[in-house]
Protein backbone atom coordinates (compact mmCIF):
# COMPACT_ATOMS: atom_id res chain seq x y z
CA MET A 1 4.99 17.09 -12.45
CA LYS A 2 3.63 14.70 -15.06
CA VAL A 3 2.70 11.20 -13.80
CA GLU A 4 2.03 8.57 -16.47
CA PHE A 5 -0.03 5.38 -16.14
CA ARG A 6 0.89 2.82 -18.78
CA ILE A 7 -1.27 -0.31 -19.05
CA PHE A 8 0.22 -2.98 -21.31
CA LYS A 9 -2.07 -5.92 -20.43
CA PRO A 10 -5.89 -5.91 -20.32
CA VAL A 11 -7.45 -5.45 -16.87
CA GLU A 12 -10.68 -7.42 -16.53
CA ASN A 13 -12.08 -6.00 -13.31
CA TYR A 14 -11.56 -2.62 -11.65
CA GLU A 15 -13.32 -3.36 -8.34
CA ILE A 16 -10.98 -2.97 -5.35
CA PHE A 17 -7.88 -0.81 -5.54
CA ILE A 18 -5.08 -1.37 -3.02
CA THR A 19 -1.71 0.16 -2.27
CA GLY A 20 0.61 1.06 0.57
CA PHE A 21 3.90 2.80 1.24
CA ALA A 22 7.08 2.12 3.20
CA GLY A 23 6.07 3.79 6.46
CA ILE A 24 6.25 2.35 9.98
CA GLY A 25 7.47 -1.25 9.81
CA ILE A 26 7.19 -1.03 6.02
CA VAL A 27 3.73 -2.47 6.67
CA GLY A 28 1.89 -0.73 3.83
CA HIS A 29 4.39 -1.75 1.19
CA LEU A 30 4.84 -5.23 2.57
CA ALA A 31 1.11 -6.00 2.73
CA THR A 32 0.52 -4.76 -0.82
CA LYS A 33 3.53 -6.58 -2.23
CA TYR A 34 2.50 -9.83 -0.58
CA ILE A 35 -1.04 -9.70 -1.96
CA ALA A 36 0.42 -8.97 -5.41
CA ARG A 37 2.95 -11.82 -5.35
CA ASN A 38 0.87 -14.21 -7.50
CA CYS A 39 -0.82 -11.53 -9.58
CA ASP A 40 -0.11 -10.30 -13.10
CA VAL A 41 1.91 -7.13 -13.61
CA VAL A 42 -0.22 -5.22 -16.11
CA GLY A 43 1.36 -1.79 -16.19
CA VAL A 44 3.58 0.82 -14.58
CA VAL A 45 3.36 4.31 -13.10
CA ARG A 46 6.20 6.59 -14.23
CA TYR A 47 7.33 10.07 -13.27
CA ARG A 48 10.45 12.15 -13.72
CA GLY A 49 12.64 11.89 -10.64
CA GLU A 50 11.62 8.37 -9.60
CA PRO A 51 14.38 6.36 -7.87
CA PRO A 52 16.97 5.27 -10.48
CA ILE A 53 16.89 1.63 -9.37
CA VAL A 54 15.84 -1.69 -10.90
CA SER A 55 16.56 -5.23 -9.77
CA MET A 56 15.75 -8.87 -10.50
CA GLU A 57 12.98 -10.73 -8.70
CA GLY A 58 13.10 -14.38 -9.67
CA ASP A 59 13.30 -14.38 -13.45
CA ARG A 60 11.82 -10.94 -14.08
CA LEU A 61 12.92 -7.33 -13.91
CA LEU A 62 11.41 -5.44 -10.98
CA LEU A 63 10.45 -1.90 -12.00
CA GLN A 64 9.79 1.16 -9.86
CA ASN A 65 6.00 1.41 -9.51
CA GLU A 66 4.13 -1.60 -10.88
CA ILE A 67 0.40 -1.93 -11.49
CA PHE A 68 -0.87 -5.44 -10.82
CA SER A 69 -4.18 -7.21 -11.41
CA CYS A 70 -5.53 -10.19 -9.50
CA GLY A 71 -9.21 -10.87 -10.14
CA ARG A 72 -11.27 -8.33 -8.17
CA VAL A 73 -8.17 -6.59 -6.87
CA VAL A 74 -5.98 -4.15 -8.80
CA GLY A 75 -3.21 -2.19 -7.12
CA VAL A 76 0.14 -0.46 -7.25
CA VAL A 77 3.34 -1.73 -5.63
CA ASN A 78 5.85 1.07 -5.03
CA ASN A 79 8.93 -1.15 -5.12
CA TYR A 80 11.55 1.49 -4.31
CA GLY A 81 9.48 4.15 -2.58
CA VAL A 82 8.40 7.52 -3.95
CA HIS A 83 10.83 10.43 -4.27
CA GLU A 84 10.02 12.98 -1.58
CA ALA A 85 9.75 15.84 -4.05
CA ALA A 86 7.19 13.89 -6.09
CA VAL A 87 4.94 12.61 -3.30
CA TYR A 88 2.23 15.28 -3.69
CA ASP A 89 1.91 14.99 -7.48
CA TYR A 90 2.24 11.20 -7.44
CA THR A 91 -0.49 10.58 -4.86
CA LYS A 92 -2.81 13.16 -6.44
CA ALA A 93 -2.41 11.48 -9.84
CA LEU A 94 -2.95 8.06 -8.26
CA ALA A 95 -6.20 9.17 -6.59
CA THR A 96 -7.43 10.69 -9.87
CA TRP A 97 -6.59 7.48 -11.77
CA VAL A 98 -8.49 5.33 -9.26
CA VAL A 99 -11.62 7.46 -9.57
CA ALA A 100 -11.36 7.70 -13.36
CA ASN A 101 -11.26 3.91 -13.68
CA GLU A 102 -14.46 3.61 -11.64
CA PHE A 103 -13.20 1.32 -8.93
CA LYS A 104 -15.86 0.52 -6.33
CA LEU A 105 -13.56 1.25 -3.40
CA ALA A 106 -9.94 1.65 -2.32
CA VAL A 107 -8.13 -0.08 0.54
CA LEU A 108 -4.87 1.47 1.74
CA PHE A 109 -2.36 -0.17 4.08
CA GLY A 110 -0.17 1.56 6.64
CA GLY A 111 1.28 1.03 10.10
CA LEU A 112 0.84 2.47 13.59
CA ASP A 113 3.52 2.91 16.21
CA GLY A 114 3.21 -0.21 18.38
CA ARG A 115 4.02 1.83 21.47
CA LEU A 116 0.53 3.34 21.18
CA GLN A 117 -1.19 -0.04 21.42
CA ARG A 118 -3.63 -0.44 24.27
CA GLY A 119 -5.19 -3.76 25.20
CA GLU A 120 -5.43 -6.61 22.71
CA ASP A 121 -6.57 -4.65 19.66
CA LYS A 122 -4.19 -5.35 16.79
CA LEU A 123 -5.17 -2.53 14.45
CA ARG A 124 -7.14 0.63 13.84
CA ILE A 125 -8.96 1.86 10.74
CA VAL A 126 -9.69 5.16 9.04
CA TYR A 127 -12.30 5.67 6.33
CA THR A 128 -13.51 8.45 4.07
CA SER A 129 -16.94 10.04 4.28
CA ALA A 130 -18.02 8.23 1.10
CA TYR A 131 -17.03 4.87 2.60
CA ARG A 132 -19.14 5.55 5.69
CA ARG A 133 -22.16 6.74 3.68
CA ALA A 134 -22.03 3.65 1.46
CA GLY A 135 -22.25 1.38 4.51
CA LEU A 136 -19.24 -0.64 3.39
CA PRO A 137 -17.79 -3.19 5.85
CA THR A 138 -15.44 -2.29 8.68
CA GLY A 139 -15.48 -5.54 10.64
CA ASP A 140 -14.97 -5.21 14.38
CA ALA A 141 -12.04 -2.78 14.18
CA LYS A 142 -12.05 0.53 16.03
CA ILE A 143 -11.34 3.81 14.29
CA LEU A 144 -8.10 5.71 14.89
CA GLU A 145 -8.24 7.69 18.11
CA GLN A 146 -8.68 11.46 17.90
CA GLY A 147 -5.33 13.21 18.18
CA LEU A 148 -3.37 10.48 16.35
CA GLN A 149 -2.30 11.19 12.80
CA ILE A 150 -1.48 9.54 9.48
CA VAL A 151 1.58 11.07 7.82
CA GLY A 152 3.53 10.80 4.57
CA PRO A 153 2.27 9.58 1.17
CA LEU A 154 -0.56 7.65 2.84
CA ALA A 155 -1.90 10.89 4.33
CA TYR A 156 -1.81 12.65 0.95
CA LEU A 157 -3.52 9.78 -0.86
CA THR A 158 -6.22 9.44 1.80
CA SER A 159 -6.95 13.18 1.76
CA PHE A 160 -7.14 13.30 -2.04
CA LEU A 161 -9.61 10.38 -2.07
CA GLU A 162 -11.69 12.14 0.59
CA GLU A 163 -11.66 15.30 -1.54
CA LEU A 164 -12.82 13.26 -4.55
CA ASP A 165 -15.60 11.73 -2.41
CA PHE A 166 -14.36 8.20 -3.06
CA PRO A 167 -15.01 5.22 -0.72
CA THR A 168 -11.69 4.41 0.95
CA LEU A 169 -10.68 2.28 3.92
CA VAL A 170 -7.25 2.58 5.57
CA ILE A 171 -6.04 -0.45 7.56
CA LEU A 172 -3.45 0.37 10.23
CA PRO A 173 -2.01 -2.51 12.29
CA TYR A 174 0.30 -1.76 15.21
CA ALA A 175 3.93 -2.32 14.18
CA ASP A 176 7.22 -2.73 16.00
CA VAL A 177 9.16 0.50 15.37
CA THR A 178 12.45 -1.07 16.47
CA ARG A 179 12.55 -3.31 13.38
CA PRO A 180 13.18 -2.26 9.78
CA ALA A 181 10.18 -4.40 8.77
CA ASP A 182 7.35 -6.01 10.74
CA PRO A 183 5.98 -9.07 8.92
CA TYR A 184 3.57 -9.88 11.73
CA ALA A 185 1.89 -6.48 11.48
CA ALA A 186 1.64 -6.90 7.70
CA SER A 187 0.04 -10.33 8.16
CA VAL A 188 -2.53 -8.76 10.53
CA ALA A 189 -3.43 -6.22 7.85
CA VAL A 190 -3.65 -8.80 5.07
CA ASP A 191 -5.72 -11.21 7.18
CA TYR A 192 -8.13 -8.41 8.04
CA PHE A 193 -8.44 -7.38 4.39
CA SER A 194 -8.87 -11.00 3.31
CA LYS A 195 -11.77 -11.68 5.69
CA LEU A 196 -13.46 -8.31 5.25
CA PHE A 197 -13.67 -8.57 1.47
CA ASP A 198 -13.77 -12.35 1.06
CA PHE A 199 -10.49 -12.38 -0.85
CA PRO A 200 -8.53 -15.43 0.41
CA VAL A 201 -4.82 -14.81 1.01
CA ASP A 202 -2.52 -17.34 2.68
CA THR A 203 -0.13 -15.29 4.84
CA SER A 204 2.10 -18.20 5.90
CA GLY A 205 4.96 -17.04 3.66
CA LEU A 206 4.84 -13.41 4.74
CA ARG A 207 7.59 -13.64 7.33
CA GLN A 208 10.09 -15.14 4.88
CA MET A 209 9.24 -12.50 2.30
CA ALA A 210 9.66 -9.75 4.89
CA GLU A 211 13.13 -10.96 5.80
CA GLU A 212 14.14 -10.90 2.14
CA LEU A 213 12.65 -7.43 1.77
CA GLU A 214 14.63 -6.16 4.73
CA ARG A 215 17.86 -7.24 3.03
CA GLU A 216 16.79 -5.64 -0.25
CA ILE A 217 15.92 -2.32 1.37
CA GLU A 218 19.16 -2.19 3.31
CA GLU A 219 21.07 -2.80 0.08
CA VAL A 220 19.09 -0.06 -1.71
CA ARG A 221 19.77 2.38 1.12
CA ARG A 222 23.46 1.54 1.03
CA ARG A 223 23.65 2.16 -2.72
CA MET A 224 21.78 5.45 -2.49
CA GLU A 225 24.05 6.61 0.33
CA GLU A 226 27.06 5.79 -1.84
CA GLN A 227 25.53 7.76 -4.72
CA SER A 228 24.92 10.72 -2.41
């Protein structure tokens, strides 16, 4: 499957790449979308079979997979998810694009089942071999326990970046699986990212955004069920 990256505005700095997907608590998507909220949309990622959905966000049209740029950080927001049949090709193309553009590192966001939480730790991390060798920061977070697994698009993307020997950190806060979205878990991930890489992000509006996102996702699901 062909995956196209179309850049229609200049990108000044390819330093830190970020993205996430709508997994547990929608944490990965929510964290990425929140960081991108005041950034410039500079391009799109397109593939045949992507969800046939667009919507309005404020005064602009919200496309499927948008590339954004915000100083040192460039990322992709997957606004309507990734079609299941395209996940392998999409994440492989994304990993290849990140390496080709010579980013210094990638940071991926996901969520962990909150029922696995022990003690007061709010998150776990996973990193690639290249990230460890480079001595890049991990803060005081513990790595994901042996026997626990990352699944879905995040697993594919992480494994492709490991295969390409690219420095990658995965941030995994514990999320409430009983809720369609967990804004608190997303704020934990964003706060951790912000402090680790000295990239200030005010997370005070995250809860309001998460509530709006919950309504949007429910509406999208309803429409797709009607189409089915």
